[in-house]
């Protein structure tokens, strides 16, 4: 009989919103460098659970990326 080995997970470090840390009130859609950090290579918006942004800033980020796509700044 083989025994299954279980792996223990380490406690996840809480992710802190980058925008809350730097006290950002508005995410500018013209800042392509910042917006590209929150996208995949194919241009999909990364989810909150990966980036660690809060709800309010994730909504602002999504709107900014979509506006950047419209004017062809962000891919």
Protein backbone atom coordinates (compact mmCIF):
# COMPACT_ATOMS: atom_id res chain seq x y z
CA UNK A 1 0.00 0.00 0.00
CA UNK A 2 1.22 3.43 -0.89
CA UNK A 3 0.63 6.36 1.40
CA UNK A 4 -0.28 9.72 -0.02
CA UNK A 5 1.94 12.50 1.15
CA UNK A 6 0.31 15.79 1.90
CA UNK A 7 2.01 19.08 1.32
CA UNK A 8 1.57 21.87 3.76
CA UNK A 9 0.90 25.32 2.44
CA UNK A 10 2.60 28.31 3.89
CA UNK A 11 0.40 31.09 5.16
CA UNK A 12 -0.10 33.59 2.36
CA UNK A 13 1.30 37.05 2.93
CA UNK A 14 -1.51 39.62 2.66
CA UNK A 15 -1.26 41.68 -0.50
CA UNK A 16 -1.43 45.43 -0.06
CA UNK A 17 -2.87 47.70 -2.73
CA UNK A 18 -0.07 49.68 -4.39
CA UNK A 19 -2.39 52.56 -5.13
CA UNK A 20 -3.62 52.82 -1.52
CA UNK A 21 -0.01 52.82 -0.29
CA UNK A 22 0.87 55.77 -2.50
CA UNK A 23 -2.53 57.44 -1.87
CA UNK A 24 -3.63 57.58 -5.52
CA UNK A 25 -7.11 59.01 -6.06
CA UNK A 26 -7.24 58.65 -9.85
CA UNK A 27 -5.51 56.20 -12.21
CA UNK A 28 -4.60 58.01 -15.43
CA UNK A 29 -5.30 56.12 -18.64
CA UNK A 30 -2.40 57.92 -20.39
CA UNK A 31 0.19 56.27 -18.11
CA UNK A 32 0.86 53.21 -20.29
CA UNK A 33 3.84 52.04 -18.25
CA UNK A 34 1.78 51.63 -15.07
CA UNK A 35 -1.18 50.08 -16.85
CA UNK A 36 0.96 47.51 -18.65
CA UNK A 37 2.07 46.07 -15.28
CA UNK A 38 -1.53 45.03 -14.62
CA UNK A 39 -2.00 43.19 -17.91
CA UNK A 40 -0.87 39.90 -19.41
CA UNK A 41 1.21 39.73 -22.60
CA UNK A 42 -1.99 39.27 -24.55
CA UNK A 43 -3.57 42.37 -23.01
CA UNK A 44 -5.96 40.80 -20.53
CA UNK A 45 -6.51 42.60 -17.23
CA UNK A 46 -5.04 40.70 -14.28
CA UNK A 47 -7.49 39.88 -11.46
CA UNK A 48 -7.38 41.33 -7.94
CA UNK A 49 -6.29 38.08 -6.36
CA UNK A 50 -3.07 38.20 -8.38
CA UNK A 51 -2.29 41.94 -8.31
CA UNK A 52 -3.48 42.63 -4.77
CA UNK A 53 -5.33 45.84 -5.60
CA UNK A 54 -8.40 46.86 -3.62
CA UNK A 55 -11.92 46.89 -5.09
CA UNK A 56 -12.06 50.62 -5.79
CA UNK A 57 -8.68 50.78 -7.46
CA UNK A 58 -9.32 47.61 -9.48
CA UNK A 59 -12.45 49.24 -10.94
CA UNK A 60 -10.49 52.42 -11.74
CA UNK A 61 -7.70 50.32 -13.24
CA UNK A 62 -10.10 48.40 -15.49
CA UNK A 63 -11.68 51.62 -16.76
CA UNK A 64 -8.26 53.19 -17.37
CA UNK A 65 -7.02 50.15 -19.30
CA UNK A 66 -10.17 50.08 -21.43
CA UNK A 67 -9.84 53.80 -22.18
CA UNK A 68 -6.18 53.30 -23.05
CA UNK A 69 -7.16 50.53 -25.46
CA UNK A 70 -9.66 52.79 -27.21
CA UNK A 71 -7.06 55.47 -27.95
CA UNK A 72 -4.43 52.78 -28.74
CA UNK A 73 -2.00 53.58 -25.92
CA UNK A 74 -2.35 50.24 -24.13
CA UNK A 75 -2.56 46.89 -25.93
